C-alpha atoms as a PDB file:
ATOM      1  CA  UNK A   1      21.033  -6.684  26.204  1.00  0.00           C
ATOM      2  CA  UNK A   2      19.474 -10.136  25.850  1.00  0.00           C
ATOM      3  CA  UNK A   3      20.256 -12.748  28.501  1.00  0.00           C
ATOM      4  CA  UNK A   4      21.132 -15.454  25.999  1.00  0.00           C
ATOM      5  CA  UNK A   5      21.428 -16.161  22.286  1.00  0.00           C
ATOM      6  CA  UNK A   6      20.468 -19.824  22.569  1.00  0.00           C
ATOM      7  CA  UNK A   7      18.828 -21.623  25.482  1.00  0.00           C
ATOM      8  CA  UNK A   8      18.367 -25.371  25.102  1.00  0.00           C
ATOM      9  CA  UNK A   9      16.419 -27.008  27.935  1.00  0.00           C
ATOM     10  CA  UNK A  10      16.072 -30.763  28.277  1.00  0.00           C
ATOM     11  CA  UNK A  11      15.752 -31.623  24.592  1.00  0.00           C
ATOM     12  CA  UNK A  12      15.422 -35.229  23.490  1.00  0.00           C
ATOM     13  CA  UNK A  13      15.147 -36.608  19.957  1.00  0.00           C
ATOM     14  CA  UNK A  14      14.389 -40.187  18.986  1.00  0.00           C
ATOM     15  CA  UNK A  15      14.574 -41.840  15.594  1.00  0.00           C
ATOM     16  CA  UNK A  16      12.693 -45.092  16.023  1.00  0.00           C
ATOM     17  CA  UNK A  17      14.299 -46.904  18.931  1.00  0.00           C
ATOM     18  CA  UNK A  18      17.468 -44.813  18.724  1.00  0.00           C
ATOM     19  CA  UNK A  19      17.778 -41.842  21.061  1.00  0.00           C
ATOM     20  CA  UNK A  20      20.001 -39.416  19.131  1.00  0.00           C
ATOM     21  CA  UNK A  21      19.851 -36.660  21.768  1.00  0.00           C
ATOM     22  CA  UNK A  22      18.969 -37.279  25.411  1.00  0.00           C
ATOM     23  CA  UNK A  23      17.869 -34.593  27.881  1.00  0.00           C
ATOM     24  CA  UNK A  24      20.399 -32.072  26.565  1.00  0.00           C
ATOM     25  CA  UNK A  25      20.634 -28.580  28.059  1.00  0.00           C
ATOM     26  CA  UNK A  26      23.053 -25.737  27.416  1.00  0.00           C
ATOM     27  CA  UNK A  27      23.005 -21.962  27.120  1.00  0.00           C
ATOM     28  CA  UNK A  28      24.915 -19.771  24.686  1.00  0.00           C
ATOM     29  CA  UNK A  29      25.572 -16.191  25.839  1.00  0.00           C
ATOM     30  CA  UNK A  30      25.292 -13.434  23.238  1.00  0.00           C
ATOM     31  CA  UNK A  31      28.411 -12.397  21.352  1.00  0.00           C
ATOM     32  CA  UNK A  32      30.481 -15.565  21.809  1.00  0.00           C
ATOM     33  CA  UNK A  33      31.755 -18.414  19.659  1.00  0.00           C
ATOM     34  CA  UNK A  34      30.245 -21.564  21.136  1.00  0.00           C
ATOM     35  CA  UNK A  35      31.300 -25.014  19.986  1.00  0.00           C
ATOM     36  CA  UNK A  36      29.314 -28.228  20.253  1.00  0.00           C
ATOM     37  CA  UNK A  37      32.028 -30.852  20.293  1.00  0.00           C
ATOM     38  CA  UNK A  38      31.815 -34.618  20.030  1.00  0.00           C
ATOM     39  CA  UNK A  39      32.706 -37.667  17.939  1.00  0.00           C
ATOM     40  CA  UNK A  40      30.830 -38.600  14.797  1.00  0.00           C
ATOM     41  CA  UNK A  41      27.381 -39.877  15.746  1.00  0.00           C
ATOM     42  CA  UNK A  42      27.294 -37.957  19.033  1.00  0.00           C
ATOM     43  CA  UNK A  43      24.163 -35.999  18.089  1.00  0.00           C
ATOM     44  CA  UNK A  44      25.771 -32.701  17.094  1.00  0.00           C
ATOM     45  CA  UNK A  45      24.012 -32.258  13.753  1.00  0.00           C
ATOM     46  CA  UNK A  46      20.692 -33.377  15.212  1.00  0.00           C
ATOM     47  CA  UNK A  47      21.086 -30.781  17.954  1.00  0.00           C
ATOM     48  CA  UNK A  48      21.842 -27.953  15.522  1.00  0.00           C
ATOM     49  CA  UNK A  49      18.938 -28.960  13.294  1.00  0.00           C
ATOM     50  CA  UNK A  50      16.629 -28.735  16.287  1.00  0.00           C
ATOM     51  CA  UNK A  51      18.026 -25.316  17.218  1.00  0.00           C
ATOM     52  CA  UNK A  52      17.290 -24.203  13.657  1.00  0.00           C
ATOM     53  CA  UNK A  53      13.812 -25.840  13.728  1.00  0.00           C
ATOM     54  CA  UNK A  54      14.523 -28.177  10.821  1.00  0.00           C
ATOM     55  CA  UNK A  55      13.397 -31.000  13.068  1.00  0.00           C
ATOM     56  CA  UNK A  56      11.455 -30.680  16.309  1.00  0.00           C
ATOM     57  CA  UNK A  57      12.553 -32.142  19.639  1.00  0.00           C
ATOM     58  CA  UNK A  58      10.347 -34.848  21.086  1.00  0.00           C
ATOM     59  CA  UNK A  59      10.814 -33.291  24.512  1.00  0.00           C
ATOM     60  CA  UNK A  60      12.238 -30.051  25.863  1.00  0.00           C
ATOM     61  CA  UNK A  61      12.332 -26.453  24.693  1.00  0.00           C
ATOM     62  CA  UNK A  62      14.575 -24.220  22.603  1.00  0.00           C
ATOM     63  CA  UNK A  63      14.527 -20.421  22.776  1.00  0.00           C
ATOM     64  CA  UNK A  64      16.656 -18.057  20.712  1.00  0.00           C
ATOM     65  CA  UNK A  65      17.843 -14.470  21.044  1.00  0.00           C
ATOM     66  CA  UNK A  66      16.373 -13.742  24.429  1.00  0.00           C
ATOM     67  CA  UNK A  67      13.019 -15.467  24.049  1.00  0.00           C
ATOM     68  CA  UNK A  68      12.050 -16.170  20.432  1.00  0.00           C
ATOM     69  CA  UNK A  69      10.794 -19.630  19.566  1.00  0.00           C
ATOM     70  CA  UNK A  70      13.023 -21.543  17.174  1.00  0.00           C
ATOM     71  CA  UNK A  71      11.445 -21.505  13.730  1.00  0.00           C
ATOM     72  CA  UNK A  72       9.487 -18.845  11.881  1.00  0.00           C
ATOM     73  CA  UNK A  73       9.613 -16.358  14.764  1.00  0.00           C
ATOM     74  CA  UNK A  74      13.428 -16.346  14.756  1.00  0.00           C
ATOM     75  CA  UNK A  75      14.142 -17.226  11.108  1.00  0.00           C
ATOM     76  CA  UNK A  76      14.958 -13.701   9.929  1.00  0.00           C
ATOM     77  CA  UNK A  77      17.598 -13.397  12.636  1.00  0.00           C
ATOM     78  CA  UNK A  78      19.354 -16.741  12.059  1.00  0.00           C
ATOM     79  CA  UNK A  79      21.822 -17.977   9.447  1.00  0.00           C
ATOM     80  CA  UNK A  80      22.355 -21.736   9.129  1.00  0.00           C
ATOM     81  CA  UNK A  81      25.105 -23.601   7.282  1.00  0.00           C
ATOM     82  CA  UNK A  82      24.151 -27.302   7.186  1.00  0.00           C
ATOM     83  CA  UNK A  83      26.649 -30.127   7.013  1.00  0.00           C
ATOM     84  CA  UNK A  84      25.060 -31.252   3.743  1.00  0.00           C
ATOM     85  CA  UNK A  85      25.954 -28.402   1.426  1.00  0.00           C
ATOM     86  CA  UNK A  86      23.181 -27.269  -0.899  1.00  0.00           C
ATOM     87  CA  UNK A  87      24.051 -25.034  -3.853  1.00  0.00           C
ATOM     88  CA  UNK A  88      22.605 -24.372  -7.300  1.00  0.00           C
ATOM     89  CA  UNK A  89      25.434 -25.561  -9.598  1.00  0.00           C
ATOM     90  CA  UNK A  90      24.126 -23.943 -12.797  1.00  0.00           C
ATOM     91  CA  UNK A  91      23.710 -20.467 -11.283  1.00  0.00           C
ATOM     92  CA  UNK A  92      26.413 -17.831 -11.388  1.00  0.00           C
ATOM     93  CA  UNK A  93      28.134 -17.394  -8.054  1.00  0.00           C
ATOM     94  CA  UNK A  94      27.100 -13.808  -7.276  1.00  0.00           C
ATOM     95  CA  UNK A  95      23.555 -14.384  -8.515  1.00  0.00           C
ATOM     96  CA  UNK A  96      23.108 -17.430  -6.295  1.00  0.00           C
ATOM     97  CA  UNK A  97      24.261 -15.634  -3.155  1.00  0.00           C
ATOM     98  CA  UNK A  98      22.059 -12.632  -3.959  1.00  0.00           C
ATOM     99  CA  UNK A  99      19.131 -14.975  -4.602  1.00  0.00           C
ATOM    100  CA  UNK A 100      19.537 -16.426  -1.102  1.00  0.00           C
ATOM    101  CA  UNK A 101      19.440 -12.892   0.271  1.00  0.00           C
ATOM    102  CA  UNK A 102      16.223 -12.136  -1.601  1.00  0.00           C
ATOM    103  CA  UNK A 103      14.666 -15.310  -0.194  1.00  0.00           C
ATOM    104  CA  UNK A 104      15.335 -13.835   3.251  1.00  0.00           C
ATOM    105  CA  UNK A 105      13.545 -10.619   2.372  1.00  0.00           C
ATOM    106  CA  UNK A 106      16.393  -8.421   1.138  1.00  0.00           C
ATOM    107  CA  UNK A 107      15.706  -5.986  -1.723  1.00  0.00           C
ATOM    108  CA  UNK A 108      17.397  -7.198  -4.918  1.00  0.00           C
ATOM    109  CA  UNK A 109      19.833  -4.277  -5.087  1.00  0.00           C
ATOM    110  CA  UNK A 110      20.905  -4.707  -1.461  1.00  0.00           C
ATOM    111  CA  UNK A 111      21.318  -8.452  -1.944  1.00  0.00           C
ATOM    112  CA  UNK A 112      23.504  -7.964  -5.022  1.00  0.00           C
ATOM    113  CA  UNK A 113      25.671  -5.428  -3.199  1.00  0.00           C
ATOM    114  CA  UNK A 114      26.027  -7.690  -0.166  1.00  0.00           C
ATOM    115  CA  UNK A 115      26.877 -10.694  -2.352  1.00  0.00           C
ATOM    116  CA  UNK A 116      29.675  -8.779  -4.056  1.00  0.00           C
ATOM    117  CA  UNK A 117      31.026  -7.660  -0.690  1.00  0.00           C
ATOM    118  CA  UNK A 118      31.080 -11.174   0.729  1.00  0.00           C
ATOM    119  CA  UNK A 119      32.790 -12.579  -2.350  1.00  0.00           C
ATOM    120  CA  UNK A 120      35.557  -9.989  -2.062  1.00  0.00           C
ATOM    121  CA  UNK A 121      35.910 -10.676   1.644  1.00  0.00           C
ATOM    122  CA  UNK A 122      36.269 -14.407   1.046  1.00  0.00           C
ATOM    123  CA  UNK A 123      38.783 -14.032  -1.778  1.00  0.00           C
ATOM    124  CA  UNK A 124      36.338 -14.956  -4.535  1.00  0.00           C
ATOM    125  CA  UNK A 125      35.936 -11.575  -6.191  1.00  0.00           C
ATOM    126  CA  UNK A 126      37.274 -12.853  -9.520  1.00  0.00           C
ATOM    127  CA  UNK A 127      34.733 -15.671  -9.628  1.00  0.00           C
ATOM    128  CA  UNK A 128      31.481 -13.712  -9.404  1.00  0.00           C
ATOM    129  CA  UNK A 129      30.331 -14.508 -12.946  1.00  0.00           C
ATOM    130  CA  UNK A 130      31.438 -18.136 -12.949  1.00  0.00           C
ATOM    131  CA  UNK A 131      28.914 -20.878 -12.432  1.00  0.00           C
ATOM    132  CA  UNK A 132      28.980 -22.523  -9.031  1.00  0.00           C
ATOM    133  CA  UNK A 133      29.892 -25.859 -10.618  1.00  0.00           C
ATOM    134  CA  UNK A 134      33.145 -24.332 -11.934  1.00  0.00           C
ATOM    135  CA  UNK A 135      34.470 -23.770  -8.409  1.00  0.00           C
ATOM    136  CA  UNK A 136      36.524 -26.134  -6.289  1.00  0.00           C
ATOM    137  CA  UNK A 137      34.924 -27.787  -3.270  1.00  0.00           C
ATOM    138  CA  UNK A 138      36.628 -25.331  -0.917  1.00  0.00           C
ATOM    139  CA  UNK A 139      35.439 -22.359  -2.958  1.00  0.00           C
ATOM    140  CA  UNK A 140      31.902 -23.720  -3.020  1.00  0.00           C
ATOM    141  CA  UNK A 141      32.003 -24.047   0.743  1.00  0.00           C
ATOM    142  CA  UNK A 142      32.935 -20.378   1.064  1.00  0.00           C
ATOM    143  CA  UNK A 143      30.107 -19.483  -1.322  1.00  0.00           C
ATOM    144  CA  UNK A 144      27.645 -21.303   0.908  1.00  0.00           C
ATOM    145  CA  UNK A 145      29.037 -19.494   3.931  1.00  0.00           C
ATOM    146  CA  UNK A 146      28.434 -16.177   2.140  1.00  0.00           C
ATOM    147  CA  UNK A 147      24.870 -17.280   1.386  1.00  0.00           C
ATOM    148  CA  UNK A 148      24.427 -18.062   5.090  1.00  0.00           C
ATOM    149  CA  UNK A 149      25.673 -14.630   6.134  1.00  0.00           C
ATOM    150  CA  UNK A 150      24.200 -12.370   3.460  1.00  0.00           C
ATOM    151  CA  UNK A 151      21.248 -11.134   5.543  1.00  0.00           C
ATOM    152  CA  UNK A 152      23.542 -10.299   8.514  1.00  0.00           C
ATOM    153  CA  UNK A 153      21.957 -12.696  11.021  1.00  0.00           C
ATOM    154  CA  UNK A 154      22.298 -12.100  14.749  1.00  0.00           C
ATOM    155  CA  UNK A 155      22.812 -15.829  15.334  1.00  0.00           C
ATOM    156  CA  UNK A 156      25.050 -17.874  13.036  1.00  0.00           C
ATOM    157  CA  UNK A 157      24.748 -21.686  13.203  1.00  0.00           C
ATOM    158  CA  UNK A 158      27.450 -23.679  11.405  1.00  0.00           C
ATOM    159  CA  UNK A 159      27.461 -27.484  11.177  1.00  0.00           C
ATOM    160  CA  UNK A 160      31.036 -28.779  10.683  1.00  0.00           C
ATOM    161  CA  UNK A 161      32.000 -25.601   8.768  1.00  0.00           C
ATOM    162  CA  UNK A 162      35.660 -26.553   8.271  1.00  0.00           C
ATOM    163  CA  UNK A 163      34.985 -30.054   6.967  1.00  0.00           C
ATOM    164  CA  UNK A 164      36.883 -30.599   3.716  1.00  0.00           C
ATOM    165  CA  UNK A 165      38.609 -27.208   3.667  1.00  0.00           C
ATOM    166  CA  UNK A 166      42.327 -26.939   2.971  1.00  0.00           C
ATOM    167  CA  UNK A 167      44.413 -25.116   5.629  1.00  0.00           C
ATOM    168  CA  UNK A 168      44.446 -21.772   3.787  1.00  0.00           C
ATOM    169  CA  UNK A 169      40.684 -21.637   3.254  1.00  0.00           C
ATOM    170  CA  UNK A 170      40.123 -22.896   6.796  1.00  0.00           C
ATOM    171  CA  UNK A 171      42.175 -19.985   8.145  1.00  0.00           C
ATOM    172  CA  UNK A 172      40.224 -17.492   6.015  1.00  0.00           C
ATOM    173  CA  UNK A 173      36.899 -18.820   7.253  1.00  0.00           C
ATOM    174  CA  UNK A 174      38.109 -18.961  10.853  1.00  0.00           C
ATOM    175  CA  UNK A 175      39.059 -15.281  10.781  1.00  0.00           C
ATOM    176  CA  UNK A 176      35.714 -14.319   9.236  1.00  0.00           C
ATOM    177  CA  UNK A 177      33.922 -16.234  11.994  1.00  0.00           C
ATOM    178  CA  UNK A 178      35.941 -14.340  14.616  1.00  0.00           C
ATOM    179  CA  UNK A 179      34.909 -11.092  12.939  1.00  0.00           C
ATOM    180  CA  UNK A 180      31.244 -11.948  13.475  1.00  0.00           C
ATOM    181  CA  UNK A 181      31.529 -11.857  17.254  1.00  0.00           C
ATOM    182  CA  UNK A 182      33.533  -8.636  17.051  1.00  0.00           C
ATOM    183  CA  UNK A 183      30.450  -7.252  15.300  1.00  0.00           C
ATOM    184  CA  UNK A 184      28.225  -8.464  18.141  1.00  0.00           C
ATOM    185  CA  UNK A 185      26.907 -11.625  16.519  1.00  0.00           C
ATOM    186  CA  UNK A 186      26.784 -15.042  18.167  1.00  0.00           C
ATOM    187  CA  UNK A 187      28.245 -18.127  16.503  1.00  0.00           C
ATOM    188  CA  UNK A 188      27.181 -21.675  17.372  1.00  0.00           C
ATOM    189  CA  UNK A 189      29.030 -24.406  15.518  1.00  0.00           C
ATOM    190  CA  UNK A 190      29.715 -28.124  15.669  1.00  0.00           C
ATOM    191  CA  UNK A 191      32.980 -29.989  15.233  1.00  0.00           C
ATOM    192  CA  UNK A 192      34.434 -33.383  16.023  1.00  0.00           C
ATOM    193  CA  UNK A 193      37.953 -31.963  16.386  1.00  0.00           C
ATOM    194  CA  UNK A 194      39.124 -30.516  19.699  1.00  0.00           C
ATOM    195  CA  UNK A 195      41.884 -28.667  17.850  1.00  0.00           C
ATOM    196  CA  UNK A 196      39.308 -26.612  15.954  1.00  0.00           C
ATOM    197  CA  UNK A 197      37.448 -25.811  19.150  1.00  0.00           C
ATOM    198  CA  UNK A 198      40.640 -24.721  20.898  1.00  0.00           C
ATOM    199  CA  UNK A 199      41.552 -22.398  18.033  1.00  0.00           C
ATOM    200  CA  UNK A 200      38.364 -20.380  18.049  1.00  0.00           C
ATOM    201  CA  UNK A 201      35.857 -21.114  20.836  1.00  0.00           C
ATOM    202  CA  UNK A 202      35.024 -19.022  23.869  1.00  0.00           C
ATOM    203  CA  UNK A 203      32.812 -21.759  25.308  1.00  0.00           C
ATOM    204  CA  UNK A 204      32.103 -25.389  24.470  1.00  0.00           C
ATOM    205  CA  UNK A 205      29.641 -28.173  25.169  1.00  0.00           C
ATOM    206  CA  UNK A 206      31.007 -31.700  24.787  1.00  0.00           C
ATOM    207  CA  UNK A 207      28.451 -34.382  23.997  1.00  0.00           C
ATOM    208  CA  UNK A 208      28.710 -38.138  23.540  1.00  0.00           C
ATOM    209  CA  UNK A 209      25.918 -40.521  22.565  1.00  0.00           C
ATOM    210  CA  UNK A 210      23.480 -37.634  22.675  1.00  0.00           C
ATOM    211  CA  UNK A 211      24.257 -36.656  26.268  1.00  0.00           C
ATOM    212  CA  UNK A 212      26.185 -33.704  27.654  1.00  0.00           C
ATOM    213  CA  UNK A 213      29.548 -34.622  29.148  1.00  0.00           C
ATOM    214  CA  UNK A 214      30.535 -31.120  30.242  1.00  0.00           C
ATOM    215  CA  UNK A 215      30.190 -27.497  29.213  1.00  0.00           C
ATOM    216  CA  UNK A 216      31.625 -24.123  30.128  1.00  0.00           C
ATOM    217  CA  UNK A 217      34.278 -21.602  29.203  1.00  0.00           C
ATOM    218  CA  UNK A 218      37.078 -23.219  27.239  1.00  0.00           C
ATOM    219  CA  UNK A 219      39.773 -21.564  29.351  1.00  0.00           C
ATOM    220  CA  UNK A 220      38.204 -22.901  32.565  1.00  0.00           C
ATOM    221  CA  UNK A 221      37.899 -26.420  31.164  1.00  0.00           C
ATOM    222  CA  UNK A 222      41.524 -26.455  30.012  1.00  0.00           C
ATOM    223  CA  UNK A 223      42.683 -25.108  33.369  1.00  0.00           C
ATOM    224  CA  UNK A 224      40.741 -27.766  35.273  1.00  0.00           C
ATOM    225  CA  UNK A 225      42.113 -30.516  33.034  1.00  0.00           C
ATOM    226  CA  UNK A 226      45.684 -29.308  33.596  1.00  0.00           C
ATOM    227  CA  UNK A 227      45.212 -29.396  37.371  1.00  0.00           C
ATOM    228  CA  UNK A 228      43.984 -32.999  37.436  1.00  0.00           C
END
């Protein structure tokens, strides 16, 4: 078994004179739900983009899944849901999800089968032939989640996945995320709401102004806070 799913060591990212992330380190064990928690502007999205190799850190190192470099080496094993949702509004729902699977190297037949399965699982089975633009915002968010998961990644990275979801859809997505770790996958996600972290996380890393405030098992952190 791998030692870690994500290992972030001393990463720093600057945008001009602004230091968005400063000497940040944390480690995500395999098979857990790990939350990066902090207020808006704390550096959460920048951190997840670096983990997914969308942007490169100016300093530090990121390794995934026991030793792979973030980027092309790990891409086939990672699913990423960005905060800025990106869908093809004119495509039919099932076709778009299957297309994302094919982009990740899945045979067309397997991608179509997986797309249908994810739509049923997310309560969208009746919408497979509708165009993406016909769906509500919450439905579109679930479609993008299915597109993130279609190739069965070992590491799932979700940036503010519950943002804009109504309570019912949020509960559906939360249960599906829990199912991923039951299947042995690792989930790394960001949120600005402690309530969301408490509902689902095994471990958390709290950051503010790009710096780590604390990290560890959620149960241990809550216990320590109660004793103070």
